[in-house]
Amino acid sequence: MFQSIKKNKLESGVIVGIFIVVITLIVYFICNALNLGTLSIVIALIFSITSAWGSYYYSDKIVLSVNRARPATKEEDQKLVNILDSLMIASGLPNKPRLYVVDDPQPNAFATGRNPENAVICVTTGLLEKLDYYELEGVVAHEMSHIKNYDIRLSCVVSVMVGFIVMLADLFSRMLFWGGLDRDNDSDNKANGILMIIGLIFLILSPIFGSLMQLALSRKREFLADATAVEFTRNPDGLISALEKLENDPNQLKTANSATANMYIVNPFKKDTKEGKKRTTSIWSTHPSTQDRIEALRNLK
């Protein structure tokens, strides 16, 4: 676990560094296409550093806002509050995570925040209504595992940054489509041709690579969080039963989007499959298959 935490911290730093480089190249390319001259690199650097700083320190607020989450209250969500309190000693977390609720019938949950001191656990009303005490305990323990392993920092920062890159790419494509960019190749643009070509390549490919990185990071950490949750609760059956209910629930999560789907305990997008057909993990899967996760949990018994 300690090795995983150290690795997650290192990966977070590397990803932020890569993000700054990618955004700098993309913005530099756009500024050059707008004929801003020598100001292009200055604007690109300021923009990329500012956006990276904002993504790191405000990622939890951004994610909660996107998912339209509200703070949980002791009066309305007593069972959730009691479960969190009972798991605090077993988890060894230094600070109690804040609790939030999304009003949606699909049972699901996620954790977010830049570190355990600023962590949030968010659950849907469907989760509170459809799971019994031990099933809900397993889900909360799973999210607390993500917090303790620093998965929340990595997944939240990656989600916000990937979403930001996609927005930039979309903005550029709209500007290009509507003729907002000057396509004249003057001498200054020719002098910066190599950097502009690199910027264009990043502009086109970065959303794809970012999404693939986001998906891979999510999948490989779910198994560890499941195993750690069992260490907290000493009850694999609770989490197994919860995963089965979450997998079989037909409701779509209305606030779900591709940028934050990897953060949930199960994929919030429901896809129709033929009866009896096993769902498998593909390169585009945000999560390992629920069957694989349940099998791994049963092997722990």
C-alpha atoms as a PDB file:
ATOM      1  CA  MET A   1       0.000   0.000   0.000  1.00  0.00           C
ATOM      2  CA  PHE A   2       2.806   2.419   0.906  1.00  0.00           C
ATOM      3  CA  GLN A   3       4.482   1.743  -2.427  1.00  0.00           C
ATOM      4  CA  SER A   4       1.182   2.455  -4.191  1.00  0.00           C
ATOM      5  CA  ILE A   5       0.783   5.763  -2.331  1.00  0.00           C
ATOM      6  CA  LYS A   6       4.337   6.814  -3.216  1.00  0.00           C
ATOM      7  CA  LYS A   7       3.775   5.821  -6.839  1.00  0.00           C
ATOM      8  CA  ASN A   8       0.492   7.753  -7.012  1.00  0.00           C
ATOM      9  CA  LYS A   9       2.144  10.920  -5.675  1.00  0.00           C
ATOM     10  CA  LEU A  10       4.945  10.607  -8.231  1.00  0.00           C
ATOM     11  CA  GLU A  11       2.500   9.960 -11.076  1.00  0.00           C
ATOM     12  CA  SER A  12       0.448  12.995 -10.065  1.00  0.00           C
ATOM     13  CA  GLY A  13       3.519  15.225 -10.346  1.00  0.00           C
ATOM     14  CA  VAL A  14       4.488  13.740 -13.703  1.00  0.00           C
ATOM     15  CA  ILE A  15       0.952  14.137 -15.085  1.00  0.00           C
ATOM     16  CA  VAL A  16       0.779  17.783 -14.001  1.00  0.00           C
ATOM     17  CA  GLY A  17       4.133  18.375 -15.723  1.00  0.00           C
ATOM     18  CA  ILE A  18       2.947  16.689 -18.924  1.00  0.00           C
ATOM     19  CA  PHE A  19      -0.274  18.686 -18.782  1.00  0.00           C
ATOM     20  CA  ILE A  20       1.664  21.981 -18.603  1.00  0.00           C
ATOM     21  CA  VAL A  21       3.756  20.998 -21.622  1.00  0.00           C
ATOM     22  CA  VAL A  22       0.737  19.853 -23.664  1.00  0.00           C
ATOM     23  CA  ILE A  23      -1.371  22.926 -22.863  1.00  0.00           C
ATOM     24  CA  THR A  24       1.590  25.219 -23.578  1.00  0.00           C
ATOM     25  CA  LEU A  25       2.065  23.686 -27.032  1.00  0.00           C
ATOM     26  CA  ILE A  26      -1.654  23.765 -27.824  1.00  0.00           C
ATOM     27  CA  VAL A  27      -2.140  27.387 -26.734  1.00  0.00           C
ATOM     28  CA  TYR A  28       1.106  28.401 -28.469  1.00  0.00           C
ATOM     29  CA  PHE A  29      -0.174  26.873 -31.693  1.00  0.00           C
ATOM     30  CA  ILE A  30      -3.513  28.679 -31.397  1.00  0.00           C
ATOM     31  CA  CYS A  31      -1.832  32.019 -30.586  1.00  0.00           C
ATOM     32  CA  ASN A  32       0.508  31.657 -33.554  1.00  0.00           C
ATOM     33  CA  ALA A  33      -2.424  30.844 -35.793  1.00  0.00           C
ATOM     34  CA  LEU A  34      -4.002  34.091 -34.561  1.00  0.00           C
ATOM     35  CA  ASN A  35      -0.766  35.952 -35.463  1.00  0.00           C
ATOM     36  CA  LEU A  36      -0.001  37.088 -31.905  1.00  0.00           C
ATOM     37  CA  GLY A  37       3.736  36.870 -32.600  1.00  0.00           C
ATOM     38  CA  THR A  38       6.242  36.796 -29.723  1.00  0.00           C
ATOM     39  CA  LEU A  39       3.428  37.083 -27.167  1.00  0.00           C
ATOM     40  CA  SER A  40       2.351  33.534 -28.074  1.00  0.00           C
ATOM     41  CA  ILE A  41       4.847  31.717 -25.841  1.00  0.00           C
ATOM     42  CA  VAL A  42       4.209  34.089 -22.909  1.00  0.00           C
ATOM     43  CA  ILE A  43       0.444  33.657 -23.175  1.00  0.00           C
ATOM     44  CA  ALA A  44       0.838  29.878 -23.549  1.00  0.00           C
ATOM     45  CA  LEU A  45       3.040  29.532 -20.442  1.00  0.00           C
ATOM     46  CA  ILE A  46       0.822  31.747 -18.272  1.00  0.00           C
ATOM     47  CA  PHE A  47      -2.304  29.945 -19.455  1.00  0.00           C
ATOM     48  CA  SER A  48      -0.904  26.436 -18.911  1.00  0.00           C
ATOM     49  CA  ILE A  49       0.569  27.108 -15.458  1.00  0.00           C
ATOM     50  CA  THR A  50      -2.580  28.892 -14.280  1.00  0.00           C
ATOM     51  CA  SER A  51      -4.860  26.128 -15.547  1.00  0.00           C
ATOM     52  CA  ALA A  52      -2.659  23.433 -13.950  1.00  0.00           C
ATOM     53  CA  TRP A  53      -2.718  25.267 -10.613  1.00  0.00           C
ATOM     54  CA  GLY A  54      -6.475  25.701 -10.800  1.00  0.00           C
ATOM     55  CA  SER A  55      -7.013  22.056 -11.790  1.00  0.00           C
ATOM     56  CA  TYR A  56      -4.989  20.890  -8.790  1.00  0.00           C
ATOM     57  CA  TYR A  57      -6.434  23.132  -6.081  1.00  0.00           C
ATOM     58  CA  TYR A  58     -10.032  23.358  -7.284  1.00  0.00           C
ATOM     59  CA  SER A  59     -10.525  19.960  -8.916  1.00  0.00           C
ATOM     60  CA  ASP A  60     -12.824  18.732  -6.127  1.00  0.00           C
ATOM     61  CA  LYS A  61     -15.073  21.810  -6.379  1.00  0.00           C
ATOM     62  CA  ILE A  62     -15.182  21.462 -10.168  1.00  0.00           C
ATOM     63  CA  VAL A  63     -16.141  17.783  -9.985  1.00  0.00           C
ATOM     64  CA  LEU A  64     -18.809  18.364  -7.315  1.00  0.00           C
ATOM     65  CA  SER A  65     -20.268  21.230  -9.344  1.00  0.00           C
ATOM     66  CA  VAL A  66     -20.348  19.187 -12.556  1.00  0.00           C
ATOM     67  CA  ASN A  67     -22.182  16.382 -10.739  1.00  0.00           C
ATOM     68  CA  ARG A  68     -24.545  18.809  -8.970  1.00  0.00           C
ATOM     69  CA  ALA A  69     -23.724  17.407  -5.558  1.00  0.00           C
ATOM     70  CA  ARG A  70     -25.064  18.840  -2.294  1.00  0.00           C
ATOM     71  CA  PRO A  71     -23.625  18.451   1.224  1.00  0.00           C
ATOM     72  CA  ALA A  72     -25.011  15.521   3.209  1.00  0.00           C
ATOM     73  CA  THR A  73     -26.777  16.311   6.467  1.00  0.00           C
ATOM     74  CA  LYS A  74     -26.911  14.314   9.656  1.00  0.00           C
ATOM     75  CA  GLU A  75     -30.685  14.659   9.790  1.00  0.00           C
ATOM     76  CA  GLU A  76     -31.331  13.265   6.276  1.00  0.00           C
ATOM     77  CA  ASP A  77     -28.350  10.931   5.867  1.00  0.00           C
ATOM     78  CA  GLN A  78     -27.876   9.493   9.348  1.00  0.00           C
ATOM     79  CA  LYS A  79     -26.965   5.984   8.133  1.00  0.00           C
ATOM     80  CA  LEU A  80     -24.235   7.335   5.847  1.00  0.00           C
ATOM     81  CA  VAL A  81     -22.789   9.507   8.613  1.00  0.00           C
ATOM     82  CA  ASN A  82     -22.768   6.589  11.073  1.00  0.00           C
ATOM     83  CA  ILE A  83     -20.991   4.298   8.602  1.00  0.00           C
ATOM     84  CA  LEU A  84     -18.293   6.892   7.927  1.00  0.00           C
ATOM     85  CA  ASP A  85     -17.752   7.411  11.649  1.00  0.00           C
ATOM     86  CA  SER A  86     -17.434   3.664  12.263  1.00  0.00           C
ATOM     87  CA  LEU A  87     -14.847   3.248   9.489  1.00  0.00           C
ATOM     88  CA  MET A  88     -12.586   6.135  10.501  1.00  0.00           C
ATOM     89  CA  ILE A  89     -10.519   4.130  12.999  1.00  0.00           C
ATOM     90  CA  ALA A  90     -10.145   1.115  10.694  1.00  0.00           C
ATOM     91  CA  SER A  91      -9.124   3.285   7.739  1.00  0.00           C
ATOM     92  CA  GLY A  92      -6.481   5.260   9.600  1.00  0.00           C
ATOM     93  CA  LEU A  93      -7.367   8.456   7.723  1.00  0.00           C
ATOM     94  CA  PRO A  94      -6.094  11.619   9.441  1.00  0.00           C
ATOM     95  CA  ASN A  95      -9.236  13.639   8.705  1.00  0.00           C
ATOM     96  CA  LYS A  96     -12.874  12.756   8.186  1.00  0.00           C
ATOM     97  CA  PRO A  97     -13.898  13.162   4.531  1.00  0.00           C
ATOM     98  CA  ARG A  98     -16.757  15.520   3.782  1.00  0.00           C
ATOM     99  CA  LEU A  99     -19.948  13.826   2.623  1.00  0.00           C
ATOM    100  CA  TYR A 100     -21.955  14.889  -0.433  1.00  0.00           C
ATOM    101  CA  VAL A 101     -25.075  13.513  -2.102  1.00  0.00           C
ATOM    102  CA  VAL A 102     -26.222  13.568  -5.734  1.00  0.00           C
ATOM    103  CA  ASP A 103     -29.991  13.352  -6.233  1.00  0.00           C
ATOM    104  CA  ASP A 104     -30.189  10.508  -8.737  1.00  0.00           C
ATOM    105  CA  PRO A 105     -31.879   7.067  -8.709  1.00  0.00           C
ATOM    106  CA  GLN A 106     -28.801   5.203  -9.976  1.00  0.00           C
ATOM    107  CA  PRO A 107     -26.823   3.691  -7.048  1.00  0.00           C
ATOM    108  CA  ASN A 108     -23.247   4.937  -7.381  1.00  0.00           C
ATOM    109  CA  ALA A 109     -20.479   6.758  -5.515  1.00  0.00           C
ATOM    110  CA  PHE A 110     -17.115   8.431  -5.965  1.00  0.00           C
ATOM    111  CA  ALA A 111     -14.385  10.093  -3.919  1.00  0.00           C
ATOM    112  CA  THR A 112     -12.521  13.255  -4.854  1.00  0.00           C
ATOM    113  CA  GLY A 113     -10.073  15.827  -3.497  1.00  0.00           C
ATOM    114  CA  ARG A 114      -6.382  16.627  -3.818  1.00  0.00           C
ATOM    115  CA  ASN A 115      -5.315  14.760  -0.645  1.00  0.00           C
ATOM    116  CA  PRO A 116      -6.781  12.942   2.416  1.00  0.00           C
ATOM    117  CA  GLU A 117      -6.954  16.242   4.314  1.00  0.00           C
ATOM    118  CA  ASN A 118      -9.254  17.717   1.658  1.00  0.00           C
ATOM    119  CA  ALA A 119     -11.209  14.634   0.640  1.00  0.00           C
ATOM    120  CA  VAL A 120     -14.852  14.208  -0.303  1.00  0.00           C
ATOM    121  CA  ILE A 121     -17.053  11.115  -0.576  1.00  0.00           C
ATOM    122  CA  CYS A 122     -20.112  11.570  -2.742  1.00  0.00           C
ATOM    123  CA  VAL A 123     -22.968   9.080  -3.058  1.00  0.00           C
ATOM    124  CA  THR A 124     -26.237   9.103  -4.959  1.00  0.00           C
ATOM    125  CA  THR A 125     -29.650   8.967  -3.330  1.00  0.00           C
ATOM    126  CA  GLY A 126     -30.187   5.725  -5.231  1.00  0.00           C
ATOM    127  CA  LEU A 127     -27.259   4.189  -3.350  1.00  0.00           C
ATOM    128  CA  LEU A 128     -28.694   5.237   0.007  1.00  0.00           C
ATOM    129  CA  GLU A 129     -32.131   3.878  -0.858  1.00  0.00           C
ATOM    130  CA  LYS A 130     -31.235   0.565  -2.500  1.00  0.00           C
ATOM    131  CA  LEU A 131     -28.330  -0.759  -0.400  1.00  0.00           C
ATOM    132  CA  ASP A 132     -28.557  -2.207   3.082  1.00  0.00           C
ATOM    133  CA  TYR A 133     -26.161  -1.238   5.895  1.00  0.00           C
ATOM    134  CA  TYR A 134     -23.334  -3.676   5.104  1.00  0.00           C
ATOM    135  CA  GLU A 135     -23.528  -3.078   1.353  1.00  0.00           C
ATOM    136  CA  LEU A 136     -23.325   0.675   1.890  1.00  0.00           C
ATOM    137  CA  GLU A 137     -20.462   0.132   4.328  1.00  0.00           C
ATOM    138  CA  GLY A 138     -18.548  -1.760   1.629  1.00  0.00           C
ATOM    139  CA  VAL A 139     -19.021   1.070  -0.888  1.00  0.00           C
ATOM    140  CA  VAL A 140     -17.977   3.781   1.585  1.00  0.00           C
ATOM    141  CA  ALA A 141     -14.934   1.703   2.578  1.00  0.00           C
ATOM    142  CA  HIS A 142     -14.027   1.384  -1.119  1.00  0.00           C
ATOM    143  CA  GLU A 143     -14.100   5.169  -1.520  1.00  0.00           C
ATOM    144  CA  MET A 144     -12.109   5.638   1.691  1.00  0.00           C
ATOM    145  CA  SER A 145      -9.511   3.284   0.209  1.00  0.00           C
ATOM    146  CA  HIS A 146      -9.174   5.577  -2.806  1.00  0.00           C
ATOM    147  CA  ILE A 147      -8.611   8.469  -0.403  1.00  0.00           C
ATOM    148  CA  LYS A 148      -5.990   6.662   1.657  1.00  0.00           C
ATOM    149  CA  ASN A 149      -4.130   5.423  -1.447  1.00  0.00           C
ATOM    150  CA  TYR A 150      -4.091   8.947  -2.961  1.00  0.00           C
ATOM    151  CA  ASP A 151      -6.062   7.679  -5.958  1.00  0.00           C
ATOM    152  CA  ILE A 152      -8.378  10.676  -5.573  1.00  0.00           C
ATOM    153  CA  ARG A 153      -5.623  13.181  -6.351  1.00  0.00           C
ATOM    154  CA  LEU A 154      -4.579  11.335  -9.469  1.00  0.00           C
ATOM    155  CA  SER A 155      -8.045  10.588 -10.840  1.00  0.00           C
ATOM    156  CA  CYS A 156      -9.477  14.020 -10.054  1.00  0.00           C
ATOM    157  CA  VAL A 157      -6.562  15.968 -11.540  1.00  0.00           C
ATOM    158  CA  VAL A 158      -6.515  13.753 -14.635  1.00  0.00           C
ATOM    159  CA  SER A 159     -10.292  14.084 -15.086  1.00  0.00           C
ATOM    160  CA  VAL A 160     -10.219  17.882 -14.922  1.00  0.00           C
ATOM    161  CA  MET A 161      -7.126  18.166 -17.121  1.00  0.00           C
ATOM    162  CA  VAL A 162      -8.414  15.770 -19.771  1.00  0.00           C
ATOM    163  CA  GLY A 163     -11.704  17.647 -19.839  1.00  0.00           C
ATOM    164  CA  PHE A 164      -9.822  20.922 -20.190  1.00  0.00           C
ATOM    165  CA  ILE A 165      -7.748  19.627 -23.116  1.00  0.00           C
ATOM    166  CA  VAL A 166     -10.890  18.383 -24.847  1.00  0.00           C
ATOM    167  CA  MET A 167     -12.459  21.836 -24.405  1.00  0.00           C
ATOM    168  CA  LEU A 168      -9.394  23.480 -25.959  1.00  0.00           C
ATOM    169  CA  ALA A 169      -9.443  21.086 -28.895  1.00  0.00           C
ATOM    170  CA  ASP A 170     -13.142  21.744 -29.407  1.00  0.00           C
ATOM    171  CA  LEU A 171     -12.594  25.513 -29.239  1.00  0.00           C
ATOM    172  CA  PHE A 172      -9.829  25.343 -31.831  1.00  0.00           C
ATOM    173  CA  SER A 173     -11.862  23.163 -34.191  1.00  0.00           C
ATOM    174  CA  ARG A 174     -14.792  25.616 -33.998  1.00  0.00           C
ATOM    175  CA  MET A 175     -12.504  28.563 -34.695  1.00  0.00           C
ATOM    176  CA  LEU A 176     -11.005  26.722 -37.647  1.00  0.00           C
ATOM    177  CA  PHE A 177     -14.426  25.746 -38.983  1.00  0.00           C
ATOM    178  CA  TRP A 178     -15.797  29.292 -38.782  1.00  0.00           C
ATOM    179  CA  GLY A 179     -12.684  30.795 -40.332  1.00  0.00           C
ATOM    180  CA  GLY A 180     -11.522  32.493 -37.147  1.00  0.00           C
ATOM    181  CA  LEU A 181      -7.876  31.600 -37.763  1.00  0.00           C
ATOM    182  CA  ASP A 182      -5.544  33.338 -40.179  1.00  0.00           C
ATOM    183  CA  ARG A 183      -4.088  30.688 -42.400  1.00  0.00           C
ATOM    184  CA  ASP A 184      -1.518  33.003 -44.092  1.00  0.00           C
ATOM    185  CA  ASN A 185       1.991  31.621 -43.807  1.00  0.00           C
ATOM    186  CA  ASP A 186       4.138  34.715 -43.212  1.00  0.00           C
ATOM    187  CA  SER A 187       7.842  34.586 -42.362  1.00  0.00           C
ATOM    188  CA  ASP A 188       7.233  34.513 -38.595  1.00  0.00           C
ATOM    189  CA  ASN A 189       4.943  31.517 -38.880  1.00  0.00           C
ATOM    190  CA  LYS A 190       7.451  29.723 -41.084  1.00  0.00           C
ATOM    191  CA  ALA A 191      10.175  30.316 -38.495  1.00  0.00           C
ATOM    192  CA  ASN A 192       7.969  28.709 -35.866  1.00  0.00           C
ATOM    193  CA  GLY A 193       6.741  25.950 -38.166  1.00  0.00           C
ATOM    194  CA  ILE A 194       8.217  23.045 -36.189  1.00  0.00           C
ATOM    195  CA  LEU A 195       6.643  24.100 -32.902  1.00  0.00           C
ATOM    196  CA  MET A 196       3.338  24.753 -34.631  1.00  0.00           C
ATOM    197  CA  ILE A 197       3.356  21.301 -36.194  1.00  0.00           C
ATOM    198  CA  ILE A 198       4.090  19.754 -32.794  1.00  0.00           C
ATOM    199  CA  GLY A 199       1.308  21.843 -31.282  1.00  0.00           C
ATOM    200  CA  LEU A 200      -1.139  20.716 -33.948  1.00  0.00           C
ATOM    201  CA  ILE A 201      -0.227  17.058 -33.353  1.00  0.00           C
ATOM    202  CA  PHE A 202      -0.795  17.460 -29.616  1.00  0.00           C
ATOM    203  CA  LEU A 203      -4.034  19.319 -30.289  1.00  0.00           C
ATOM    204  CA  ILE A 204      -5.388  16.436 -32.352  1.00  0.00           C
ATOM    205  CA  LEU A 205      -4.044  13.474 -30.367  1.00  0.00           C
ATOM    206  CA  SER A 206      -3.955  14.719 -26.757  1.00  0.00           C
ATOM    207  CA  PRO A 207      -7.698  14.142 -26.050  1.00  0.00           C
ATOM    208  CA  ILE A 208      -7.312  10.526 -27.215  1.00  0.00           C
ATOM    209  CA  PHE A 209      -4.122   9.866 -25.232  1.00  0.00           C
ATOM    210  CA  GLY A 210      -5.527  11.694 -22.219  1.00  0.00           C
ATOM    211  CA  SER A 211      -8.677   9.599 -22.215  1.00  0.00           C
ATOM    212  CA  LEU A 212      -6.709   6.361 -22.576  1.00  0.00           C
ATOM    213  CA  MET A 213      -4.448   7.354 -19.667  1.00  0.00           C
ATOM    214  CA  GLN A 214      -7.511   8.272 -17.618  1.00  0.00           C
ATOM    215  CA  LEU A 215      -9.145   4.905 -18.292  1.00  0.00           C
ATOM    216  CA  ALA A 216      -6.010   2.851 -17.584  1.00  0.00           C
ATOM    217  CA  LEU A 217      -5.347   4.660 -14.289  1.00  0.00           C
ATOM    218  CA  SER A 218      -8.919   4.052 -13.159  1.00  0.00           C
ATOM    219  CA  ARG A 219      -9.035   0.332 -14.007  1.00  0.00           C
ATOM    220  CA  LYS A 220      -5.866  -0.757 -12.264  1.00  0.00           C
ATOM    221  CA  ARG A 221      -6.753   1.006  -9.004  1.00  0.00           C
ATOM    222  CA  GLU A 222     -10.229  -0.472  -8.546  1.00  0.00           C
ATOM    223  CA  PHE A 223      -8.907  -3.905  -7.566  1.00  0.00           C
ATOM    224  CA  LEU A 224      -6.616  -2.411  -4.900  1.00  0.00           C
ATOM    225  CA  ALA A 225      -9.435  -0.253  -3.522  1.00  0.00           C
ATOM    226  CA  ASP A 226     -11.744  -3.312  -3.327  1.00  0.00           C
ATOM    227  CA  ALA A 227      -9.108  -5.301  -1.436  1.00  0.00           C
ATOM    228  CA  THR A 228      -8.347  -2.408   0.920  1.00  0.00           C
ATOM    229  CA  ALA A 229     -12.066  -1.935   1.608  1.00  0.00           C
ATOM    230  CA  VAL A 230     -12.265  -5.555   2.772  1.00  0.00           C
ATOM    231  CA  GLU A 231      -9.366  -4.862   5.154  1.00  0.00           C
ATOM    232  CA  PHE A 232     -11.411  -2.026   6.648  1.00  0.00           C
ATOM    233  CA  THR A 233     -14.722  -3.885   6.961  1.00  0.00           C
ATOM    234  CA  ARG A 234     -13.580  -7.537   7.293  1.00  0.00           C
ATOM    235  CA  ASN A 235     -16.695  -8.320   5.263  1.00  0.00           C
ATOM    236  CA  PRO A 236     -16.156  -9.059   1.536  1.00  0.00           C
ATOM    237  CA  ASP A 237     -19.781 -10.215   1.176  1.00  0.00           C
ATOM    238  CA  GLY A 238     -21.062  -6.673   1.765  1.00  0.00           C
ATOM    239  CA  LEU A 239     -19.025  -5.212  -1.097  1.00  0.00           C
ATOM    240  CA  ILE A 240     -19.735  -8.193  -3.369  1.00  0.00           C
ATOM    241  CA  SER A 241     -23.484  -7.802  -2.863  1.00  0.00           C
ATOM    242  CA  ALA A 242     -23.203  -4.037  -3.418  1.00  0.00           C
ATOM    243  CA  LEU A 243     -21.311  -4.477  -6.699  1.00  0.00           C
ATOM    244  CA  GLU A 244     -23.930  -6.944  -7.927  1.00  0.00           C
ATOM    245  CA  LYS A 245     -26.744  -4.488  -7.184  1.00  0.00           C
ATOM    246  CA  LEU A 246     -24.870  -1.590  -8.807  1.00  0.00           C
ATOM    247  CA  GLU A 247     -24.097  -3.638 -11.912  1.00  0.00           C
ATOM    248  CA  ASN A 248     -27.694  -4.816 -12.368  1.00  0.00           C
ATOM    249  CA  ASP A 249     -29.397  -1.487 -11.740  1.00  0.00           C
ATOM    250  CA  PRO A 250     -30.899  -0.211 -15.044  1.00  0.00           C
ATOM    251  CA  ASN A 251     -30.921   3.526 -14.259  1.00  0.00           C
ATOM    252  CA  GLN A 252     -28.721   6.021 -16.073  1.00  0.00           C
ATOM    253  CA  LEU A 253     -26.848   8.619 -14.020  1.00  0.00           C
ATOM    254  CA  LYS A 254     -28.119  11.951 -15.369  1.00  0.00           C
ATOM    255  CA  THR A 255     -25.092  14.000 -14.270  1.00  0.00           C
ATOM    256  CA  ALA A 256     -22.515  11.542 -15.602  1.00  0.00           C
ATOM    257  CA  ASN A 257     -20.080  12.655 -18.297  1.00  0.00           C
ATOM    258  CA  SER A 258     -17.049  11.136 -19.976  1.00  0.00           C
ATOM    259  CA  ALA A 259     -14.587  13.311 -18.034  1.00  0.00           C
ATOM    260  CA  THR A 260     -15.671  12.055 -14.583  1.00  0.00           C
ATOM    261  CA  ALA A 261     -17.041   8.565 -15.357  1.00  0.00           C
ATOM    262  CA  ASN A 262     -13.760   6.926 -14.277  1.00  0.00           C
ATOM    263  CA  MET A 263     -14.148   8.292 -10.730  1.00  0.00           C
ATOM    264  CA  TYR A 264     -17.305   6.317  -9.878  1.00  0.00           C
ATOM    265  CA  ILE A 265     -17.198   2.916  -8.190  1.00  0.00           C
ATOM    266  CA  VAL A 266     -18.926   1.418 -11.263  1.00  0.00           C
ATOM    267  CA  ASN A 267     -19.370   2.785 -14.753  1.00  0.00           C
ATOM    268  CA  PRO A 268     -22.302   5.258 -14.593  1.00  0.00           C
ATOM    269  CA  PHE A 269     -23.112   4.656 -18.263  1.00  0.00           C
ATOM    270  CA  LYS A 270     -25.293   1.574 -18.686  1.00  0.00           C
ATOM    271  CA  LYS A 271     -24.884  -0.383 -21.890  1.00  0.00           C
ATOM    272  CA  ASP A 272     -27.324  -3.028 -23.047  1.00  0.00           C
ATOM    273  CA  THR A 273     -25.849  -6.531 -23.270  1.00  0.00           C
ATOM    274  CA  LYS A 274     -27.385  -9.802 -24.294  1.00  0.00           C
ATOM    275  CA  GLU A 275     -28.655 -11.938 -21.479  1.00  0.00           C
ATOM    276  CA  GLY A 276     -25.972 -14.295 -20.213  1.00  0.00           C
ATOM    277  CA  LYS A 277     -23.185 -12.461 -21.997  1.00  0.00           C
ATOM    278  CA  LYS A 278     -20.305 -11.538 -19.731  1.00  0.00           C
ATOM    279  CA  ARG A 279     -19.146  -7.939 -19.828  1.00  0.00           C
ATOM    280  CA  THR A 280     -15.418  -7.776 -20.449  1.00  0.00           C
ATOM    281  CA  THR A 281     -12.800  -5.085 -19.986  1.00  0.00           C
ATOM    282  CA  SER A 282     -11.698  -3.350 -23.179  1.00  0.00           C
ATOM    283  CA  ILE A 283      -9.225  -0.550 -23.845  1.00  0.00           C
ATOM    284  CA  TRP A 284     -12.116   1.926 -23.653  1.00  0.00           C
ATOM    285  CA  SER A 285     -13.523   0.600 -20.363  1.00  0.00           C
ATOM    286  CA  THR A 286     -13.503   3.026 -17.451  1.00  0.00           C
ATOM    287  CA  HIS A 287     -13.561   0.110 -14.991  1.00  0.00           C
ATOM    288  CA  PRO A 288     -12.567  -3.544 -14.864  1.00  0.00           C
ATOM    289  CA  SER A 289     -15.582  -5.775 -15.359  1.00  0.00           C
ATOM    290  CA  THR A 290     -17.719  -6.222 -12.255  1.00  0.00           C
ATOM    291  CA  GLN A 291     -17.482  -9.997 -12.656  1.00  0.00           C
ATOM    292  CA  ASP A 292     -13.685  -9.821 -12.440  1.00  0.00           C
ATOM    293  CA  ARG A 293     -13.861  -7.632  -9.364  1.00  0.00           C
ATOM    294  CA  ILE A 294     -16.337  -9.947  -7.633  1.00  0.00           C
ATOM    295  CA  GLU A 295     -14.193 -12.967  -8.472  1.00  0.00           C
ATOM    296  CA  ALA A 296     -11.141 -11.244  -6.982  1.00  0.00           C
ATOM    297  CA  LEU A 297     -13.089 -10.441  -3.809  1.00  0.00           C
ATOM    298  CA  ARG A 298     -14.290 -14.032  -3.466  1.00  0.00           C
ATOM    299  CA  ASN A 299     -10.688 -15.194  -3.714  1.00  0.00           C
ATOM    300  CA  LEU A 300      -9.949 -13.100  -0.630  1.00  0.00           C
ATOM    301  CA  LYS A 301     -12.436 -15.119   1.473  1.00  0.00           C
END
